[in-house]
Protein backbone atom coordinates (compact mmCIF):
# COMPACT_ATOMS: atom_id res chain seq x y z
CA MET A 1 29.94 -2.40 127.02
CA THR A 2 27.84 0.51 125.78
CA SER A 3 24.94 1.45 128.01
CA GLU A 4 22.02 3.82 127.83
CA LEU A 5 24.20 6.44 129.50
CA ASP A 6 26.31 7.01 126.40
CA LEU A 7 23.50 8.71 124.48
CA PHE A 8 23.49 11.78 126.67
CA GLY A 9 27.16 12.78 126.62
CA PRO A 10 28.82 13.25 130.05
CA ASP A 11 27.07 10.95 132.49
CA ALA A 12 28.94 11.40 135.76
CA GLY A 13 26.68 10.34 138.59
CA ARG A 14 23.81 9.29 136.31
CA PRO A 15 21.87 6.44 137.95
CA HIS A 16 22.10 3.30 135.81
CA GLY A 17 18.92 2.51 133.92
CA ASP A 18 17.34 5.98 134.07
CA PRO A 19 17.88 7.78 130.73
CA LEU A 20 16.43 11.08 131.95
CA VAL A 21 18.59 11.76 135.00
CA ALA A 22 21.90 13.49 134.32
CA GLY A 23 24.81 13.85 136.70
CA VAL A 24 25.92 17.09 138.30
CA GLY A 25 28.69 17.58 135.75
CA ALA A 26 26.48 17.08 132.72
CA PRO A 27 25.60 19.99 130.40
CA LEU A 28 22.58 22.12 131.30
CA ALA A 29 20.59 20.69 128.39
CA ALA A 30 21.02 17.15 129.75
CA ARG A 31 20.27 18.15 133.35
CA MET A 32 17.08 19.97 132.32
CA ARG A 33 15.76 17.10 130.25
CA PRO A 34 12.06 16.62 131.17
CA ARG A 35 11.50 13.51 133.26
CA SER A 36 7.78 13.05 132.71
CA ILE A 37 5.10 13.74 130.16
CA GLU A 38 3.82 16.52 132.45
CA GLU A 39 7.20 18.31 132.35
CA PHE A 40 7.51 18.05 128.59
CA LEU A 41 6.98 21.34 126.73
CA GLY A 42 5.91 21.65 123.12
CA GLN A 43 4.55 19.06 120.66
CA LEU A 44 1.04 19.55 122.04
CA ASP A 45 -0.55 17.65 119.16
CA LEU A 46 1.37 14.56 120.26
CA VAL A 47 1.75 14.82 124.02
CA GLY A 48 -0.79 17.43 125.09
CA GLU A 49 -4.09 16.37 126.64
CA GLY A 50 -5.68 13.91 124.23
CA GLY A 51 -2.54 13.73 122.06
CA ALA A 52 -2.03 10.43 120.23
CA LEU A 53 1.38 9.64 121.68
CA ARG A 54 0.35 10.68 125.18
CA GLU A 55 -2.62 8.33 125.05
CA LEU A 56 -0.36 5.44 124.05
CA ILE A 57 2.13 6.25 126.80
CA GLU A 58 -0.51 6.56 129.53
CA ARG A 59 -2.15 3.29 128.48
CA ASP A 60 1.22 1.51 128.30
CA ARG A 61 0.41 0.49 124.72
CA VAL A 62 3.40 2.03 122.96
CA PRO A 63 4.26 0.22 119.70
CA SER A 64 7.54 0.46 117.84
CA LEU A 65 7.94 4.08 116.71
CA ILE A 66 9.83 6.34 114.37
CA LEU A 67 10.19 9.86 115.78
CA TRP A 68 10.90 12.26 112.94
CA GLY A 69 11.87 15.84 113.63
CA PRO A 70 14.70 18.40 113.64
CA PRO A 71 17.48 18.48 116.24
CA GLY A 72 16.53 19.50 119.78
CA CYS A 73 12.77 19.01 119.44
CA GLY A 74 12.45 16.24 122.05
CA LYS A 75 12.90 12.90 120.26
CA THR A 76 15.38 11.43 122.74
CA THR A 77 13.45 12.79 125.72
CA LEU A 78 10.20 11.23 124.55
CA ALA A 79 11.90 7.87 124.10
CA GLY A 80 13.22 8.11 127.65
CA ILE A 81 9.80 9.10 129.00
CA VAL A 82 8.24 6.07 127.32
CA ALA A 83 10.81 3.78 128.98
CA ARG A 84 10.38 5.41 132.38
CA ARG A 85 6.58 5.36 132.25
CA THR A 86 6.33 1.75 131.07
CA GLY A 87 9.10 0.34 133.26
CA ALA A 88 10.95 -1.02 130.25
CA ARG A 89 14.70 -1.38 130.06
CA PHE A 90 16.12 1.48 127.99
CA GLU A 91 19.00 0.60 125.68
CA ALA A 92 20.33 3.43 123.56
CA PHE A 93 22.28 3.03 120.39
CA SER A 94 23.71 5.51 117.89
CA ALA A 95 23.78 4.53 114.24
CA VAL A 96 26.65 6.98 113.78
CA THR A 97 29.14 5.37 116.16
CA GLU A 98 28.12 1.69 116.40
CA GLY A 99 27.38 -1.15 114.02
CA ILE A 100 24.95 -3.99 113.49
CA ALA A 101 27.00 -6.37 115.66
CA ARG A 102 26.13 -4.24 118.68
CA VAL A 103 22.47 -4.27 117.66
CA ARG A 104 22.47 -8.09 117.62
CA GLU A 105 24.11 -8.12 121.05
CA LEU A 106 21.46 -5.81 122.53
CA ILE A 107 18.64 -7.80 120.95
CA GLU A 108 20.04 -11.07 122.33
CA GLN A 109 20.23 -9.51 125.80
CA ALA A 110 16.67 -8.22 125.43
CA GLY A 111 15.44 -11.75 124.65
CA GLU A 112 17.24 -13.22 127.63
CA ARG A 113 15.90 -10.45 129.91
CA LYS A 114 12.32 -11.00 128.79
CA ARG A 115 12.57 -14.76 129.36
CA ALA A 116 14.25 -14.37 132.77
CA THR A 117 12.35 -11.42 134.26
CA GLY A 118 9.53 -10.57 131.87
CA GLN A 119 10.89 -7.02 131.50
CA ASP A 120 10.44 -5.40 128.10
CA THR A 121 13.27 -3.61 126.32
CA ILE A 122 13.08 -0.35 124.42
CA LEU A 123 15.88 -0.13 121.90
CA PHE A 124 16.37 3.53 121.05
CA VAL A 125 18.27 3.98 117.77
CA ASP A 126 19.44 7.55 117.28
CA GLU A 127 19.83 8.67 113.63
CA ILE A 128 18.35 5.42 112.34
CA HIS A 129 18.52 6.82 108.82
CA ARG A 130 22.30 6.29 108.91
CA PHE A 131 21.73 2.52 108.69
CA ASN A 132 21.61 1.04 105.20
CA LYS A 133 18.81 -1.21 103.93
CA SER A 134 20.27 -4.53 105.07
CA GLN A 135 21.11 -3.11 108.50
CA GLN A 136 17.55 -1.81 108.94
CA ASP A 137 16.18 -5.18 107.82
CA ALA A 138 17.95 -6.78 110.79
CA PHE A 139 15.38 -5.22 113.15
CA LEU A 140 12.34 -6.71 111.39
CA PRO A 141 12.02 -10.20 112.92
CA HIS A 142 12.67 -8.91 116.43
CA VAL A 143 10.13 -6.11 116.13
CA GLU A 144 7.56 -8.60 114.81
CA ALA A 145 8.33 -11.10 117.58
CA GLY A 146 8.06 -8.43 120.27
CA THR A 147 11.59 -9.06 121.52
CA ILE A 148 12.16 -5.31 121.49
CA THR A 149 10.15 -2.16 121.13
CA LEU A 150 12.08 -0.14 118.59
CA ILE A 151 12.11 3.64 118.82
CA GLY A 152 14.05 5.17 115.99
CA ALA A 153 14.91 8.86 115.86
CA THR A 154 15.65 10.62 112.59
CA THR A 155 16.01 14.12 111.23
CA GLU A 156 15.35 12.83 107.70
CA ASN A 157 12.06 11.97 106.03
CA PRO A 158 11.36 8.30 106.87
CA SER A 159 9.66 7.89 103.49
CA PHE A 160 13.08 8.24 101.90
CA GLU A 161 15.40 6.93 104.60
CA VAL A 162 13.62 4.02 106.34
CA VAL A 163 12.96 0.81 104.42
CA GLY A 164 9.35 0.03 103.60
CA PRO A 165 9.02 -3.23 105.61
CA LEU A 166 10.30 -1.53 108.77
CA LEU A 167 8.17 1.55 108.13
CA SER A 168 5.07 -0.64 107.85
CA ARG A 169 5.81 -2.21 111.25
CA THR A 170 6.29 1.06 113.09
CA ARG A 171 4.21 4.13 113.73
CA VAL A 172 5.65 7.45 112.61
CA PHE A 173 5.23 10.55 114.76
CA VAL A 174 6.29 13.92 113.36
CA LEU A 175 7.81 16.42 115.79
CA GLU A 176 7.95 20.09 114.86
CA PRO A 177 10.66 22.65 115.76
CA LEU A 178 9.88 24.21 119.12
CA GLY A 179 8.30 27.66 118.93
CA PRO A 180 10.05 30.70 120.44
CA ASP A 181 7.55 30.81 123.30
CA VAL A 182 8.32 27.22 124.27
CA VAL A 183 12.07 27.85 124.06
CA SER A 184 11.65 30.95 126.25
CA ASP A 185 9.78 28.90 128.85
CA LEU A 186 12.52 26.25 128.82
CA CYS A 187 15.18 28.91 129.39
CA ARG A 188 13.27 30.54 132.24
CA ARG A 189 12.73 27.13 133.81
CA ALA A 190 16.50 26.47 133.61
CA LEU A 191 17.30 29.81 135.26
CA GLU A 192 14.85 29.16 138.10
CA ASP A 193 15.50 25.46 138.78
CA VAL A 194 17.81 25.19 141.81
CA ASP A 195 18.38 21.44 141.72
CA ARG A 196 18.96 20.82 138.01
CA GLY A 197 19.37 24.26 136.46
CA LEU A 198 21.04 27.57 137.25
CA GLY A 199 18.68 28.64 140.04
CA SER A 200 21.36 28.58 142.72
CA ARG A 201 23.20 31.35 140.86
CA ASP A 202 20.29 33.82 141.08
CA LEU A 203 20.72 34.97 137.48
CA GLY A 204 18.20 37.04 135.53
CA ILE A 205 17.77 37.70 131.83
CA ASP A 206 16.33 40.77 130.15
CA ASP A 207 13.47 40.48 127.66
CA GLU A 208 15.55 41.42 124.61
CA ALA A 209 18.20 38.81 125.42
CA LEU A 210 15.59 36.12 126.02
CA ARG A 211 13.83 36.96 122.76
CA LYS A 212 17.12 36.77 120.86
CA LEU A 213 17.96 33.44 122.47
CA ALA A 214 14.56 31.95 121.69
CA GLU A 215 14.50 33.11 118.08
CA SER A 216 18.10 32.20 117.31
CA ALA A 217 17.71 28.67 118.59
CA ASP A 218 15.73 27.79 115.43
CA GLY A 219 13.42 25.55 117.44
CA ASP A 220 16.32 23.59 119.00
CA ALA A 221 16.03 23.38 122.80
CA ARG A 222 19.51 21.92 123.15
CA ARG A 223 21.05 24.82 121.25
CA ALA A 224 19.16 27.36 123.37
CA LEU A 225 20.14 25.78 126.70
CA ASN A 226 23.77 25.36 125.64
CA ALA A 227 23.90 29.05 124.68
CA LEU A 228 22.20 30.03 127.95
CA GLU A 229 24.77 28.05 129.92
CA THR A 230 27.63 29.69 128.01
CA ALA A 231 26.17 33.16 128.59
CA ALA A 232 25.82 32.37 132.30
CA HIS A 233 29.51 31.44 132.48
CA LEU A 234 30.37 34.97 131.33
CA LEU A 235 28.73 36.58 134.39
CA PRO A 236 29.02 36.46 138.19
CA ASP A 237 26.21 35.17 140.41
CA GLY A 238 23.28 37.56 140.77
CA ALA A 239 23.87 39.29 137.42
CA GLU A 240 21.41 39.76 134.57
CA ILE A 241 22.11 38.19 131.20
CA SER A 242 21.93 40.82 128.48
CA LEU A 243 21.85 40.76 124.69
CA ARG A 244 25.63 41.10 124.64
CA GLU A 245 26.22 37.82 126.49
CA VAL A 246 23.59 35.99 124.43
CA GLU A 247 25.12 37.11 121.13
CA ALA A 248 28.58 36.09 122.33
CA ALA A 249 27.24 32.67 123.30
CA LEU A 250 25.29 32.11 120.10
CA GLN A 251 27.95 33.22 117.61
CA ARG A 252 26.86 32.43 114.04
CA ARG A 253 23.64 30.64 113.18
CA PHE A 254 24.20 27.85 110.68
CA ALA A 255 21.62 26.81 108.13
CA ARG A 256 19.87 23.51 108.70
CA TYR A 257 20.28 22.12 105.23
CA ASP A 258 21.06 18.67 103.88
CA LYS A 259 22.07 18.81 100.24
CA SER A 260 20.88 15.27 99.61
CA GLY A 261 17.96 14.98 102.02
CA GLU A 262 14.39 16.19 102.26
CA GLU A 263 15.32 19.79 103.05
CA HIS A 264 17.14 19.97 99.71
CA TYR A 265 13.91 19.12 97.89
CA ASN A 266 11.80 21.34 100.14
CA LEU A 267 13.91 24.42 99.41
CA ILE A 268 14.21 23.93 95.66
CA SER A 269 10.44 23.36 95.60
CA ALA A 270 9.94 26.63 97.48
CA LEU A 271 12.23 28.48 95.05
CA HIS A 272 10.46 27.03 92.02
CA LYS A 273 6.99 27.84 93.34
CA ALA A 274 7.98 31.40 94.28
CA VAL A 275 9.23 31.94 90.72
CA ARG A 276 6.06 30.42 89.28
CA GLY A 277 4.00 32.64 91.58
CA SER A 278 5.79 35.80 90.33
CA ASP A 279 7.21 36.59 93.77
CA PRO A 280 10.80 37.85 93.35
CA ASP A 281 11.17 38.44 97.11
CA GLY A 282 10.29 34.85 97.96
CA ALA A 283 12.47 33.59 95.12
CA LEU A 284 15.49 35.59 96.33
CA TYR A 285 14.98 34.40 99.91
CA TRP A 286 14.91 30.70 99.02
CA LEU A 287 17.83 31.18 96.63
CA ALA A 288 19.81 32.75 99.46
CA ARG A 289 18.84 29.94 101.85
CA MET A 290 20.11 27.34 99.42
CA LEU A 291 23.37 29.13 98.70
CA ASP A 292 23.98 29.83 102.38
CA GLY A 293 23.32 26.17 103.15
CA GLY A 294 26.07 25.08 100.76
CA GLU A 295 24.02 24.00 97.74
CA ASN A 296 25.96 23.57 94.49
CA PRO A 297 25.26 26.80 92.52
CA MET A 298 25.39 24.89 89.24
CA TYR A 299 22.50 22.72 90.44
CA ILE A 300 20.52 25.91 91.07
CA ALA A 301 21.49 27.22 87.63
CA ARG A 302 20.19 24.04 85.99
CA ARG A 303 16.92 24.34 87.85
CA LEU A 304 16.54 27.99 86.81
CA VAL A 305 16.94 26.93 83.18
CA ARG A 306 14.21 24.37 83.72
CA MET A 307 11.92 27.04 85.21
CA ALA A 308 12.51 29.24 82.16
CA LEU A 309 11.27 26.43 79.94
CA GLU A 310 8.48 25.04 82.11
CA ASP A 311 6.92 28.16 83.62
CA VAL A 312 7.83 31.06 81.32
CA GLY A 313 8.18 29.29 78.01
CA VAL A 314 7.25 31.11 74.83
CA ALA A 315 5.64 33.97 76.78
CA ASP A 316 9.21 35.31 77.11
CA PRO A 317 11.79 33.24 75.20
CA GLY A 318 14.46 35.64 76.46
CA ALA A 319 14.15 34.05 79.92
CA LEU A 320 16.03 31.00 78.65
CA HIS A 321 18.87 33.19 77.36
CA VAL A 322 19.07 35.03 80.70
CA CYS A 323 19.31 31.77 82.64
CA VAL A 324 21.92 30.22 80.37
CA ALA A 325 23.92 33.46 80.56
CA ALA A 326 23.63 33.37 84.37
CA ARG A 327 25.00 29.84 84.39
CA ASP A 328 27.93 30.90 82.21
CA ALA A 329 28.53 34.02 84.33
CA TYR A 330 28.67 31.96 87.51
CA HIS A 331 31.01 29.47 85.86
CA PHE A 332 33.24 32.38 84.81
CA LEU A 333 33.15 34.37 88.06
CA GLY A 334 32.68 31.73 90.75
CA SER A 335 31.49 32.58 94.26
CA PRO A 336 30.53 34.98 95.65
CA GLU A 337 30.43 37.32 92.62
CA GLY A 338 28.76 34.79 90.33
CA GLU A 339 25.89 34.30 92.78
CA LEU A 340 24.59 37.72 91.75
CA ALA A 341 24.06 36.37 88.24
CA LEU A 342 21.87 33.61 89.66
CA ALA A 343 19.97 36.21 91.67
CA GLN A 344 19.41 38.28 88.51
CA ALA A 345 18.08 35.26 86.63
CA CYS A 346 15.86 34.42 89.58
CA VAL A 347 14.29 37.88 89.66
CA TYR A 348 13.91 37.95 85.87
CA LEU A 349 12.02 34.65 85.94
CA ALA A 350 9.79 35.75 88.79
CA ALA A 351 8.92 39.03 87.02
CA ALA A 352 8.49 37.49 83.55
CA PRO A 353 5.07 36.70 82.04
CA LYS A 354 4.19 33.08 82.75
CA SER A 355 3.02 30.34 80.44
CA ASN A 356 3.19 26.58 80.74
CA ARG A 357 1.58 26.07 77.33
CA LEU A 358 4.84 24.84 75.79
CA TYR A 359 5.32 22.37 78.66
CA VAL A 360 1.76 21.10 78.39
CA GLY A 361 1.83 21.00 74.59
CA PHE A 362 5.05 19.04 74.41
CA GLY A 363 3.72 16.59 76.98
CA ALA A 364 0.59 16.07 74.90
CA ALA A 365 2.67 15.57 71.74
CA MET A 366 4.83 12.98 73.53
CA SER A 367 1.71 11.11 74.61
CA ALA A 368 0.35 11.13 71.07
CA ALA A 369 3.70 9.94 69.70
CA ARG A 370 3.68 6.99 72.11
CA GLU A 371 0.07 6.17 71.21
CA THR A 372 0.73 6.21 67.43
CA PRO A 373 4.33 5.00 67.01
CA ALA A 374 3.71 3.38 63.61
CA GLU A 375 1.84 6.21 61.87
CA PRO A 376 3.45 6.83 58.47
CA VAL A 377 4.64 10.28 57.45
CA PRO A 378 2.14 11.75 54.94
CA LEU A 379 3.44 11.32 51.40
CA HIS A 380 3.43 15.02 50.49
CA ILE A 381 5.93 15.92 53.24
CA ARG A 382 8.28 12.98 52.68
CA ASN A 383 11.73 13.50 51.21
CA ALA A 384 12.15 12.14 47.66
CA PRO A 385 15.88 11.90 46.81
CA THR A 386 15.50 9.01 44.30
CA ARG A 387 13.45 8.38 41.14
CA LEU A 388 11.70 5.36 42.70
CA MET A 389 10.60 7.40 45.68
CA LYS A 390 9.19 10.08 43.39
CA GLU A 391 7.36 7.42 41.39
CA LEU A 392 5.86 6.13 44.62
CA GLY A 393 4.46 9.58 45.32
CA TYR A 394 6.99 10.80 47.88
CA GLY A 395 6.77 14.59 48.03
CA ALA A 396 3.89 14.72 45.53
CA GLY A 397 1.64 17.70 46.07
CA TYR A 398 3.94 19.44 48.53
CA ARG A 399 3.42 23.21 48.58
CA TYR A 400 6.36 25.48 49.37
CA ASP A 401 5.05 27.66 52.20
CA HIS A 402 7.08 30.74 51.26
CA ASP A 403 5.17 30.94 47.99
CA TRP A 404 1.87 31.43 49.77
CA GLU A 405 0.27 34.42 51.46
CA ASP A 406 1.46 34.88 55.07
CA GLY A 407 3.99 32.09 54.43
CA VAL A 408 1.42 29.37 55.16
CA ALA A 409 0.39 26.85 52.50
CA PRO A 410 -2.99 25.08 52.70
CA GLN A 411 -1.66 21.64 53.60
CA THR A 412 -1.47 19.36 56.64
CA TYR A 413 1.55 18.13 58.56
CA LEU A 414 0.10 15.46 60.86
CA PRO A 415 -0.75 11.82 60.05
CA ASP A 416 -4.36 11.31 58.99
CA SER A 417 -5.28 9.54 62.25
CA ILE A 418 -4.51 12.62 64.35
CA ALA A 419 -5.10 15.34 61.77
CA GLY A 420 -6.46 18.48 63.39
CA ARG A 421 -5.08 17.64 66.86
CA ARG A 422 -3.76 20.67 68.77
CA PHE A 423 -0.89 20.23 71.18
CA TYR A 424 0.36 23.78 71.61
CA GLU A 425 -2.28 26.34 72.60
CA PRO A 426 -0.74 29.81 73.12
CA GLY A 427 -1.83 31.77 76.17
CA ASP A 428 -2.47 35.50 76.53
CA ALA A 429 0.76 36.36 78.39
CA GLY A 430 3.68 38.18 76.83
CA LEU A 431 4.80 37.17 73.36
CA GLU A 432 2.30 34.30 73.24
CA SER A 433 -0.54 36.76 72.75
CA GLU A 434 0.83 37.80 69.33
CA LEU A 435 1.92 34.25 68.51
CA GLY A 436 -1.60 33.07 69.22
CA ARG A 437 -3.12 35.43 66.66
CA ARG A 438 -0.59 34.39 64.00
CA LEU A 439 -1.07 30.68 64.66
CA GLU A 440 -4.85 31.00 64.50
CA ARG A 441 -4.55 32.39 60.97
CA ALA A 442 -2.17 29.58 60.01
CA ARG A 443 -4.42 26.94 61.54
CA ALA A 444 -7.43 28.31 59.72
CA THR A 445 -5.53 27.95 56.40
CA ARG A 446 -4.53 24.38 57.23
CA ALA A 447 -8.05 23.53 58.44
CA ALA A 448 -9.37 24.51 54.98
CA ALA A 449 -6.83 22.17 53.43
CA GLU A 450 -7.90 19.36 55.74
CA GLN A 451 -11.54 19.91 54.74
CA ILE A 452 -10.61 19.74 51.06
CA GLY A 453 -8.62 16.57 51.69
CA GLU A 454 -11.54 14.98 53.53
CA THR A 455 -13.88 15.81 50.64
CA ASP A 456 -11.41 14.33 48.13
CA ARG A 457 -11.18 11.13 50.22
CA GLU A 458 -14.97 10.84 50.37
CA ASP A 459 -15.23 11.28 46.57
CA SER A 460 -12.55 8.65 46.06
CA ASP A 461 -14.36 6.21 48.37
CA GLY A 462 -17.60 6.82 46.49
């Protein structure tokens, strides 16, 4: 039978029923887990004085929750604190290692416990986003009936990963990565704590090493404490932990990046907005973050092509050629050499003059096309390959533009119902400045033709 002890790794000597007390042989991160709301560091908006979650905990009015945040920010600890403070039975479950049959078993036990003793049950589901829709739906009737208080933990955006009916029956709390100052305090506490930490070893740590540890943890308390414990193993009692031991314990920092989750969309959004904002430094940084996180470079290439069309457009038509060439260069060279081609396209886009006039104009034209799907093509610009079509007036009055001054004939090209509508309005950036002047002359010529046509129609009606 799986118990609440399994959630926390090694549980030698852990008292049954208390999720916050680790045995002597447990890792430092488990031993140093805060046991009360007063011990908890970080997340002040939630658990500081007057924080929403703290108020619920202190009033013993905790509803079913979804705790959303990155690894090592305190989700599991907060769930344990809720159980301890409210006196509820704490049953932990991992969506990675167990299935829905185990969930049903725990819920059945929770119902029997409530009927027999009146004790509530907190069912803590770690990585709840790993459950599919039907599995998540299984919680609904039991949450509604109050058989269990569900606390789900997830590193993924609940809007995408938790089904709507369950989301509407729970309250979502967002936990942020822990700041370096908080991580530093946690590490100092671990070094000083004699009963649960490393205090009996009389170890110190210099400021540079502590700063490196706090910054390299990326807001993950578990990562910081695991590295601190490893560094401590490298030294005798009474020694001072230096930068050398910390770097050896940390090894390489890995990017927190999910190629199919929210972080994927956050980073590509950051890249796109840096390009649009003409910031090549920001664009290169987010490009590097995505590549280092394992993103498919061809996905990035496709998005760069889209940026060339949407944000640069006709202001610099060469941007499209650069991006397509970068895609081909990456396809030809592969990684890591081909990544430089993506970087070049990224910088070119960021530095290029910007215009979304093509994007806006095409959108307006699409809207007009959907609003007037049955408008006939004006007769003078219809094709007339047969005698009958010519007799019906197809092509009659068409003026060959090359025969006219500036290559623009005084005639219209839109249906009568939308004649004179403008979809593409050139801006002042880059090539569009010159295009704008040329198109104004052409539009003036066509406007004269439209006026003549309107006069002819009025005379005909009269």
